[in-house]
C-alpha atoms as a PDB file:
ATOM      1  CA  UNK A   1      17.170  55.937  28.263  1.00  0.00           C
ATOM      2  CA  UNK A   2      18.966  53.382  26.410  1.00  0.00           C
ATOM      3  CA  UNK A   3      21.843  53.768  23.947  1.00  0.00           C
ATOM      4  CA  UNK A   4      21.012  54.638  20.361  1.00  0.00           C
ATOM      5  CA  UNK A   5      21.551  50.667  18.657  1.00  0.00           C
ATOM      6  CA  UNK A   6      24.797  50.770  16.581  1.00  0.00           C
ATOM      7  CA  UNK A   7      24.875  50.803  12.560  1.00  0.00           C
ATOM      8  CA  UNK A   8      27.169  49.071  10.775  1.00  0.00           C
ATOM      9  CA  UNK A   9      28.360  51.403   7.987  1.00  0.00           C
ATOM     10  CA  UNK A  10      29.648  49.543   4.768  1.00  0.00           C
ATOM     11  CA  UNK A  11      31.595  50.834   2.296  1.00  0.00           C
ATOM     12  CA  UNK A  12      30.357  50.707  -1.084  1.00  0.00           C
ATOM     13  CA  UNK A  13      32.319  47.564  -2.462  1.00  0.00           C
ATOM     14  CA  UNK A  14      31.198  45.846   0.680  1.00  0.00           C
ATOM     15  CA  UNK A  15      27.716  47.060  -0.160  1.00  0.00           C
ATOM     16  CA  UNK A  16      27.946  45.560  -3.433  1.00  0.00           C
ATOM     17  CA  UNK A  17      29.519  41.851  -2.087  1.00  0.00           C
ATOM     18  CA  UNK A  18      26.459  41.688   0.329  1.00  0.00           C
ATOM     19  CA  UNK A  19      23.817  42.728  -2.225  1.00  0.00           C
ATOM     20  CA  UNK A  20      24.706  40.219  -4.534  1.00  0.00           C
ATOM     21  CA  UNK A  21      24.031  37.797  -2.308  1.00  0.00           C
ATOM     22  CA  UNK A  22      20.691  38.962  -1.122  1.00  0.00           C
ATOM     23  CA  UNK A  23      17.139  37.565  -2.008  1.00  0.00           C
ATOM     24  CA  UNK A  24      15.577  41.165  -1.670  1.00  0.00           C
ATOM     25  CA  UNK A  25      16.906  44.777  -2.760  1.00  0.00           C
ATOM     26  CA  UNK A  26      18.617  47.448  -0.541  1.00  0.00           C
ATOM     27  CA  UNK A  27      19.113  50.822  -1.453  1.00  0.00           C
ATOM     28  CA  UNK A  28      22.658  52.311   0.138  1.00  0.00           C
ATOM     29  CA  UNK A  29      22.905  56.300   1.126  1.00  0.00           C
ATOM     30  CA  UNK A  30      26.683  56.675   1.828  1.00  0.00           C
ATOM     31  CA  UNK A  31      27.375  53.940   4.064  1.00  0.00           C
ATOM     32  CA  UNK A  32      23.849  52.925   5.088  1.00  0.00           C
ATOM     33  CA  UNK A  33      21.653  50.538   3.710  1.00  0.00           C
ATOM     34  CA  UNK A  34      17.549  50.588   3.616  1.00  0.00           C
ATOM     35  CA  UNK A  35      15.577  47.189   2.977  1.00  0.00           C
ATOM     36  CA  UNK A  36      13.334  48.332  -0.697  1.00  0.00           C
ATOM     37  CA  UNK A  37       9.558  47.625   0.184  1.00  0.00           C
ATOM     38  CA  UNK A  38       7.326  45.485  -2.243  1.00  0.00           C
ATOM     39  CA  UNK A  39       4.946  47.839  -4.354  1.00  0.00           C
ATOM     40  CA  UNK A  40       1.414  47.081  -4.597  1.00  0.00           C
ATOM     41  CA  UNK A  41      -0.717  46.412  -7.492  1.00  0.00           C
ATOM     42  CA  UNK A  42      -1.069  49.591  -9.188  1.00  0.00           C
ATOM     43  CA  UNK A  43       2.491  50.598  -8.680  1.00  0.00           C
ATOM     44  CA  UNK A  44       3.584  47.639 -10.408  1.00  0.00           C
ATOM     45  CA  UNK A  45       1.193  47.930 -13.153  1.00  0.00           C
ATOM     46  CA  UNK A  46       2.313  52.051 -13.935  1.00  0.00           C
ATOM     47  CA  UNK A  47       5.791  50.929 -13.882  1.00  0.00           C
ATOM     48  CA  UNK A  48       5.237  48.016 -16.593  1.00  0.00           C
ATOM     49  CA  UNK A  49       2.591  50.373 -18.419  1.00  0.00           C
ATOM     50  CA  UNK A  50       5.800  53.203 -18.598  1.00  0.00           C
ATOM     51  CA  UNK A  51       8.343  51.003 -18.797  1.00  0.00           C
ATOM     52  CA  UNK A  52       6.697  49.459 -22.048  1.00  0.00           C
ATOM     53  CA  UNK A  53       5.536  52.645 -23.905  1.00  0.00           C
ATOM     54  CA  UNK A  54       9.296  54.163 -23.601  1.00  0.00           C
ATOM     55  CA  UNK A  55      10.556  50.559 -24.791  1.00  0.00           C
ATOM     56  CA  UNK A  56       8.680  50.882 -27.743  1.00  0.00           C
ATOM     57  CA  UNK A  57       9.075  54.349 -28.426  1.00  0.00           C
ATOM     58  CA  UNK A  58      13.176  54.057 -28.010  1.00  0.00           C
ATOM     59  CA  UNK A  59      13.286  50.808 -29.967  1.00  0.00           C
ATOM     60  CA  UNK A  60      16.345  50.622 -33.117  1.00  0.00           C
ATOM     61  CA  UNK A  61      18.031  53.318 -31.218  1.00  0.00           C
ATOM     62  CA  UNK A  62      20.636  53.800 -28.848  1.00  0.00           C
ATOM     63  CA  UNK A  63      18.643  54.117 -25.651  1.00  0.00           C
ATOM     64  CA  UNK A  64      17.667  51.235 -23.061  1.00  0.00           C
ATOM     65  CA  UNK A  65      14.735  51.197 -20.599  1.00  0.00           C
ATOM     66  CA  UNK A  66      15.238  49.276 -17.571  1.00  0.00           C
ATOM     67  CA  UNK A  67      12.887  48.829 -14.733  1.00  0.00           C
ATOM     68  CA  UNK A  68      13.046  48.619 -10.716  1.00  0.00           C
ATOM     69  CA  UNK A  69      15.515  45.649 -10.629  1.00  0.00           C
ATOM     70  CA  UNK A  70      18.643  47.930 -12.382  1.00  0.00           C
ATOM     71  CA  UNK A  71      20.835  49.157 -10.086  1.00  0.00           C
ATOM     72  CA  UNK A  72      21.724  53.219 -10.575  1.00  0.00           C
ATOM     73  CA  UNK A  73      24.850  54.397  -9.217  1.00  0.00           C
ATOM     74  CA  UNK A  74      24.963  58.192  -8.083  1.00  0.00           C
ATOM     75  CA  UNK A  75      28.985  58.616  -7.253  1.00  0.00           C
ATOM     76  CA  UNK A  76      28.544  62.275  -5.804  1.00  0.00           C
ATOM     77  CA  UNK A  77      26.138  60.650  -3.407  1.00  0.00           C
ATOM     78  CA  UNK A  78      28.435  57.873  -2.790  1.00  0.00           C
ATOM     79  CA  UNK A  79      24.799  56.043  -3.034  1.00  0.00           C
ATOM     80  CA  UNK A  80      23.044  53.255  -5.290  1.00  0.00           C
ATOM     81  CA  UNK A  81      19.020  53.153  -5.928  1.00  0.00           C
ATOM     82  CA  UNK A  82      16.525  51.246  -7.698  1.00  0.00           C
ATOM     83  CA  UNK A  83      14.325  53.555  -9.525  1.00  0.00           C
ATOM     84  CA  UNK A  84      11.712  52.320 -11.072  1.00  0.00           C
ATOM     85  CA  UNK A  85      11.928  53.076 -14.166  1.00  0.00           C
ATOM     86  CA  UNK A  86      15.379  54.476 -16.038  1.00  0.00           C
ATOM     87  CA  UNK A  87      15.923  55.440 -19.623  1.00  0.00           C
ATOM     88  CA  UNK A  88      19.807  55.691 -20.366  1.00  0.00           C
ATOM     89  CA  UNK A  89      21.458  56.869 -23.679  1.00  0.00           C
ATOM     90  CA  UNK A  90      25.250  56.687 -22.868  1.00  0.00           C
ATOM     91  CA  UNK A  91      26.110  55.167 -25.815  1.00  0.00           C
ATOM     92  CA  UNK A  92      25.912  58.670 -27.752  1.00  0.00           C
ATOM     93  CA  UNK A  93      29.153  60.613 -28.307  1.00  0.00           C
ATOM     94  CA  UNK A  94      28.564  63.332 -25.719  1.00  0.00           C
ATOM     95  CA  UNK A  95      28.774  60.616 -22.857  1.00  0.00           C
ATOM     96  CA  UNK A  96      31.558  57.836 -21.789  1.00  0.00           C
ATOM     97  CA  UNK A  97      29.158  55.321 -22.667  1.00  0.00           C
ATOM     98  CA  UNK A  98      29.779  53.399 -19.473  1.00  0.00           C
ATOM     99  CA  UNK A  99      25.974  51.752 -18.934  1.00  0.00           C
ATOM    100  CA  UNK A 100      26.594  50.024 -22.463  1.00  0.00           C
ATOM    101  CA  UNK A 101      29.591  48.256 -20.891  1.00  0.00           C
ATOM    102  CA  UNK A 102      28.086  47.646 -17.286  1.00  0.00           C
ATOM    103  CA  UNK A 103      25.336  44.538 -17.107  1.00  0.00           C
ATOM    104  CA  UNK A 104      24.648  45.359 -13.150  1.00  0.00           C
ATOM    105  CA  UNK A 105      25.074  49.159 -12.350  1.00  0.00           C
ATOM    106  CA  UNK A 106      24.096  52.466 -14.356  1.00  0.00           C
ATOM    107  CA  UNK A 107      25.476  55.194 -13.810  1.00  0.00           C
ATOM    108  CA  UNK A 108      24.411  57.903 -16.692  1.00  0.00           C
ATOM    109  CA  UNK A 109      20.521  58.026 -16.839  1.00  0.00           C
ATOM    110  CA  UNK A 110      18.914  60.541 -18.894  1.00  0.00           C
ATOM    111  CA  UNK A 111      15.210  60.254 -17.557  1.00  0.00           C
ATOM    112  CA  UNK A 112      14.755  58.394 -14.240  1.00  0.00           C
ATOM    113  CA  UNK A 113      11.000  58.081 -13.134  1.00  0.00           C
ATOM    114  CA  UNK A 114       9.159  57.214  -9.613  1.00  0.00           C
ATOM    115  CA  UNK A 115       6.086  55.906  -8.874  1.00  0.00           C
ATOM    116  CA  UNK A 116       5.024  57.416  -5.621  1.00  0.00           C
ATOM    117  CA  UNK A 117       3.594  55.861  -2.566  1.00  0.00           C
ATOM    118  CA  UNK A 118       2.996  57.009   0.659  1.00  0.00           C
ATOM    119  CA  UNK A 119       5.477  56.027   2.387  1.00  0.00           C
ATOM    120  CA  UNK A 120       8.289  56.878  -0.002  1.00  0.00           C
ATOM    121  CA  UNK A 121       6.539  60.052  -1.406  1.00  0.00           C
ATOM    122  CA  UNK A 122       8.160  62.819   0.831  1.00  0.00           C
ATOM    123  CA  UNK A 123      11.751  60.943   0.244  1.00  0.00           C
ATOM    124  CA  UNK A 124      11.256  60.565  -3.654  1.00  0.00           C
ATOM    125  CA  UNK A 125      10.310  64.289  -3.853  1.00  0.00           C
ATOM    126  CA  UNK A 126      12.917  65.187  -1.689  1.00  0.00           C
ATOM    127  CA  UNK A 127      16.646  63.668  -0.458  1.00  0.00           C
ATOM    128  CA  UNK A 128      16.359  60.908  -3.385  1.00  0.00           C
ATOM    129  CA  UNK A 129      15.359  63.845  -5.769  1.00  0.00           C
ATOM    130  CA  UNK A 130      18.449  65.762  -4.712  1.00  0.00           C
ATOM    131  CA  UNK A 131      21.013  63.288  -4.894  1.00  0.00           C
ATOM    132  CA  UNK A 132      19.639  62.237  -8.705  1.00  0.00           C
ATOM    133  CA  UNK A 133      20.407  65.944  -9.547  1.00  0.00           C
ATOM    134  CA  UNK A 134      24.074  65.392  -8.942  1.00  0.00           C
ATOM    135  CA  UNK A 135      24.152  63.210 -12.392  1.00  0.00           C
ATOM    136  CA  UNK A 136      25.337  65.060 -15.410  1.00  0.00           C
ATOM    137  CA  UNK A 137      23.685  63.130 -17.482  1.00  0.00           C
ATOM    138  CA  UNK A 138      20.386  63.427 -15.846  1.00  0.00           C
ATOM    139  CA  UNK A 139      17.783  65.472 -18.204  1.00  0.00           C
ATOM    140  CA  UNK A 140      14.306  64.446 -16.547  1.00  0.00           C
ATOM    141  CA  UNK A 141      12.959  63.476 -13.322  1.00  0.00           C
ATOM    142  CA  UNK A 142       8.823  62.399 -13.291  1.00  0.00           C
ATOM    143  CA  UNK A 143       6.700  61.553 -10.088  1.00  0.00           C
ATOM    144  CA  UNK A 144       3.578  59.573 -11.073  1.00  0.00           C
ATOM    145  CA  UNK A 145       1.069  60.022  -8.141  1.00  0.00           C
ATOM    146  CA  UNK A 146      -0.955  56.921  -8.303  1.00  0.00           C
ATOM    147  CA  UNK A 147      -3.536  58.459  -5.930  1.00  0.00           C
ATOM    148  CA  UNK A 148      -4.162  61.872  -7.818  1.00  0.00           C
ATOM    149  CA  UNK A 149      -3.004  60.234 -11.250  1.00  0.00           C
ATOM    150  CA  UNK A 150      -0.912  62.980 -11.734  1.00  0.00           C
ATOM    151  CA  UNK A 151       2.708  63.675 -13.085  1.00  0.00           C
ATOM    152  CA  UNK A 152       5.369  65.846 -12.106  1.00  0.00           C
ATOM    153  CA  UNK A 153       8.061  66.038 -14.653  1.00  0.00           C
ATOM    154  CA  UNK A 154      11.125  67.919 -13.595  1.00  0.00           C
ATOM    155  CA  UNK A 155      13.210  69.219 -16.494  1.00  0.00           C
ATOM    156  CA  UNK A 156      16.411  70.401 -16.015  1.00  0.00           C
ATOM    157  CA  UNK A 157      17.514  73.473 -18.687  1.00  0.00           C
ATOM    158  CA  UNK A 158      20.180  74.916 -20.641  1.00  0.00           C
ATOM    159  CA  UNK A 159      20.773  77.461 -17.449  1.00  0.00           C
ATOM    160  CA  UNK A 160      21.163  73.902 -15.037  1.00  0.00           C
ATOM    161  CA  UNK A 161      17.985  74.915 -13.288  1.00  0.00           C
ATOM    162  CA  UNK A 162      15.316  72.249 -12.329  1.00  0.00           C
ATOM    163  CA  UNK A 163      11.930  73.542 -13.774  1.00  0.00           C
ATOM    164  CA  UNK A 164       8.319  71.873 -12.567  1.00  0.00           C
ATOM    165  CA  UNK A 165       5.944  70.554 -15.331  1.00  0.00           C
ATOM    166  CA  UNK A 166       3.172  69.633 -14.016  1.00  0.00           C
ATOM    167  CA  UNK A 167       0.528  66.785 -15.863  1.00  0.00           C
ATOM    168  CA  UNK A 168      -2.794  66.949 -14.153  1.00  0.00           C
ATOM    169  CA  UNK A 169      -5.452  63.844 -14.393  1.00  0.00           C
ATOM    170  CA  UNK A 170      -5.880  63.026 -17.702  1.00  0.00           C
ATOM    171  CA  UNK A 171      -3.309  65.278 -19.548  1.00  0.00           C
ATOM    172  CA  UNK A 172      -0.830  63.588 -21.754  1.00  0.00           C
ATOM    173  CA  UNK A 173       2.681  63.437 -19.866  1.00  0.00           C
ATOM    174  CA  UNK A 174       5.420  64.911 -22.486  1.00  0.00           C
ATOM    175  CA  UNK A 175       8.657  63.441 -21.891  1.00  0.00           C
ATOM    176  CA  UNK A 176      10.998  66.107 -23.728  1.00  0.00           C
ATOM    177  CA  UNK A 177      14.367  64.086 -22.823  1.00  0.00           C
ATOM    178  CA  UNK A 178      13.309  61.012 -25.057  1.00  0.00           C
ATOM    179  CA  UNK A 179      10.474  62.843 -27.400  1.00  0.00           C
ATOM    180  CA  UNK A 180       8.039  60.941 -25.658  1.00  0.00           C
ATOM    181  CA  UNK A 181       3.845  62.134 -25.190  1.00  0.00           C
ATOM    182  CA  UNK A 182       2.210  59.266 -23.171  1.00  0.00           C
ATOM    183  CA  UNK A 183      -1.538  59.915 -22.667  1.00  0.00           C
ATOM    184  CA  UNK A 184      -3.243  59.208 -19.735  1.00  0.00           C
ATOM    185  CA  UNK A 185      -5.142  56.376 -21.056  1.00  0.00           C
ATOM    186  CA  UNK A 186      -1.751  54.686 -21.915  1.00  0.00           C
ATOM    187  CA  UNK A 187      -0.236  55.369 -18.528  1.00  0.00           C
ATOM    188  CA  UNK A 188      -2.799  53.915 -15.955  1.00  0.00           C
ATOM    189  CA  UNK A 189      -4.374  51.377 -18.265  1.00  0.00           C
ATOM    190  CA  UNK A 190      -5.322  48.368 -15.896  1.00  0.00           C
ATOM    191  CA  UNK A 191      -4.817  50.503 -13.004  1.00  0.00           C
ATOM    192  CA  UNK A 192      -7.710  50.226 -10.831  1.00  0.00           C
ATOM    193  CA  UNK A 193      -8.963  53.144  -8.444  1.00  0.00           C
ATOM    194  CA  UNK A 194      -9.048  52.289  -5.046  1.00  0.00           C
END
């Protein structure tokens, strides 16, 4: 039996320096680095549909919408992620406005949305969500399943507990944190069934 390969543990600062020189994106989880796989057409289209709807809805206000190239730092988990879509409203008085002044990393999302793929669905629903829940600013986490065309929205209640709000195929999805209702037709426009 062979020995396990040694994995170099990086500090967060080392990761940020190294990541800046990479041509592909990598997530960082408490010392370990993981390459981000490329996304299929349906994934990218739904992410763009979400970002576009959010951008239009939030235009002119304090909130900003970002797509998968924006890095998110979860300090309590010593981790950096690249969510498919995130919204930050950190210019509001209730937050410290760090996201407003940081061009490369966001830390105060109000809403995070992930489009599921077969290889990442369990991770997005489990470990990644457990890390995201450590963000005090986060109010909603939405998971879009491309195959079933369903959306699970987890919303943090006043008691701090996360409650699932499932939306079936054809339902209009409610994102209460940003007061947006997005129809299934709008969410899945130009997405082909496979």
